[in-house]
Amino acid sequence: MSMSNTITIRLPEELEDWLTEESRVTGIPKGRIVREQLERLRTQRARQPFLDLAGSVEGSPDLSRKKGFEA
């Protein structure tokens, strides 16, 4: 994995304190923590967890149709 891209961000003091402490306790560099969290967010959004429920409801085929709005 090539790490040639750089980004600079400004963090609120509270978030910087958390990141510094997390890095100190775990021994993981701050940059790696940030990269892992960004990747986690990206994969969660792409996954669309609500789709886990698709097909889990039993009932009539028109169950999701609003009554009175038939075409």
C-alpha atoms as a PDB file:
ATOM      1  CA  MET A   1       0.000   0.000   0.000  1.00  0.00           C
ATOM      2  CA  SER A   2       1.499   3.310  -1.098  1.00  0.00           C
ATOM      3  CA  MET A   3       1.097   6.249   1.287  1.00  0.00           C
ATOM      4  CA  SER A   4       1.945   9.168  -0.980  1.00  0.00           C
ATOM      5  CA  ASN A   5      -1.129  11.334  -0.275  1.00  0.00           C
ATOM      6  CA  THR A   6      -1.062  13.810   2.588  1.00  0.00           C
ATOM      7  CA  ILE A   7      -3.911  15.720   4.203  1.00  0.00           C
ATOM      8  CA  THR A   8      -3.776  18.380   6.896  1.00  0.00           C
ATOM      9  CA  ILE A   9      -6.716  18.779   9.266  1.00  0.00           C
ATOM     10  CA  ARG A  10      -7.428  20.992  12.251  1.00  0.00           C
ATOM     11  CA  LEU A  11      -8.858  19.175  15.241  1.00  0.00           C
ATOM     12  CA  PRO A  12     -10.694  20.553  18.242  1.00  0.00           C
ATOM     13  CA  GLU A  13      -8.581  20.253  21.394  1.00  0.00           C
ATOM     14  CA  GLU A  14     -10.821  17.513  22.825  1.00  0.00           C
ATOM     15  CA  LEU A  15     -10.416  15.332  19.726  1.00  0.00           C
ATOM     16  CA  GLU A  16      -6.667  15.938  19.605  1.00  0.00           C
ATOM     17  CA  ASP A  17      -6.416  14.926  23.274  1.00  0.00           C
ATOM     18  CA  TRP A  18      -8.334  11.718  22.563  1.00  0.00           C
ATOM     19  CA  LEU A  19      -6.200  10.907  19.517  1.00  0.00           C
ATOM     20  CA  THR A  20      -2.971  11.538  21.408  1.00  0.00           C
ATOM     21  CA  GLU A  21      -4.076   9.378  24.344  1.00  0.00           C
ATOM     22  CA  GLU A  22      -5.343   6.590  22.062  1.00  0.00           C
ATOM     23  CA  SER A  23      -2.020   6.605  20.244  1.00  0.00           C
ATOM     24  CA  ARG A  24      -0.069   6.540  23.501  1.00  0.00           C
ATOM     25  CA  VAL A  25      -2.108   3.720  25.059  1.00  0.00           C
ATOM     26  CA  THR A  26      -2.239   1.499  21.968  1.00  0.00           C
ATOM     27  CA  GLY A  27       1.170   2.305  20.525  1.00  0.00           C
ATOM     28  CA  ILE A  28      -0.493   2.925  17.161  1.00  0.00           C
ATOM     29  CA  PRO A  29       0.563   6.092  15.306  1.00  0.00           C
ATOM     30  CA  LYS A  30      -2.053   8.842  15.060  1.00  0.00           C
ATOM     31  CA  GLY A  31      -2.067   8.688  11.263  1.00  0.00           C
ATOM     32  CA  ARG A  32      -2.870   4.984  11.300  1.00  0.00           C
ATOM     33  CA  ILE A  33      -5.736   5.517  13.757  1.00  0.00           C
ATOM     34  CA  VAL A  34      -7.194   8.211  11.499  1.00  0.00           C
ATOM     35  CA  ARG A  35      -6.778   6.050   8.353  1.00  0.00           C
ATOM     36  CA  GLU A  36      -8.437   3.057  10.032  1.00  0.00           C
ATOM     37  CA  GLN A  37     -11.376   5.155  11.217  1.00  0.00           C
ATOM     38  CA  LEU A  38     -11.862   6.698   7.766  1.00  0.00           C
ATOM     39  CA  GLU A  39     -11.780   3.252   6.161  1.00  0.00           C
ATOM     40  CA  ARG A  40     -14.266   1.956   8.732  1.00  0.00           C
ATOM     41  CA  LEU A  41     -16.661   4.808   7.957  1.00  0.00           C
ATOM     42  CA  ARG A  42     -16.273   4.281   4.214  1.00  0.00           C
ATOM     43  CA  THR A  43     -17.046   0.564   4.378  1.00  0.00           C
ATOM     44  CA  GLN A  44     -19.990   1.061   6.762  1.00  0.00           C
ATOM     45  CA  ARG A  45     -21.594   3.575   4.418  1.00  0.00           C
ATOM     46  CA  ALA A  46     -21.026   1.386   1.366  1.00  0.00           C
ATOM     47  CA  ARG A  47     -22.535  -1.608   3.151  1.00  0.00           C
ATOM     48  CA  GLN A  48     -25.908   0.077   3.889  1.00  0.00           C
ATOM     49  CA  PRO A  49     -26.794  -1.901   7.043  1.00  0.00           C
ATOM     50  CA  PHE A  50     -30.536  -1.360   6.586  1.00  0.00           C
ATOM     51  CA  LEU A  51     -30.367  -3.840   3.706  1.00  0.00           C
ATOM     52  CA  ASP A  52     -29.734  -6.570   6.291  1.00  0.00           C
ATOM     53  CA  LEU A  53     -33.487  -6.451   6.903  1.00  0.00           C
ATOM     54  CA  ALA A  54     -34.438  -6.969   3.251  1.00  0.00           C
ATOM     55  CA  GLY A  55     -36.567 -10.068   2.871  1.00  0.00           C
ATOM     56  CA  SER A  56     -36.931 -10.600   6.603  1.00  0.00           C
ATOM     57  CA  VAL A  57     -40.623  -9.622   6.763  1.00  0.00           C
ATOM     58  CA  GLU A  58     -43.321 -12.081   5.820  1.00  0.00           C
ATOM     59  CA  GLY A  59     -46.696 -11.030   4.541  1.00  0.00           C
ATOM     60  CA  SER A  60     -48.692 -10.297   1.436  1.00  0.00           C
ATOM     61  CA  PRO A  61     -46.801  -9.050  -1.666  1.00  0.00           C
ATOM     62  CA  ASP A  62     -48.429  -5.596  -1.422  1.00  0.00           C
ATOM     63  CA  LEU A  63     -47.540  -5.152   2.247  1.00  0.00           C
ATOM     64  CA  SER A  64     -45.464  -2.020   1.593  1.00  0.00           C
ATOM     65  CA  ARG A  65     -48.093  -0.202  -0.467  1.00  0.00           C
ATOM     66  CA  LYS A  66     -49.991   2.670   1.094  1.00  0.00           C
ATOM     67  CA  LYS A  67     -53.717   2.144   1.025  1.00  0.00           C
ATOM     68  CA  GLY A  68     -55.536   4.676  -1.151  1.00  0.00           C
ATOM     69  CA  PHE A  69     -52.488   5.378  -3.335  1.00  0.00           C
ATOM     70  CA  GLU A  70     -52.875   2.575  -5.858  1.00  0.00           C
ATOM     71  CA  ALA A  71     -52.167   3.573  -9.446  1.00  0.00           C
END
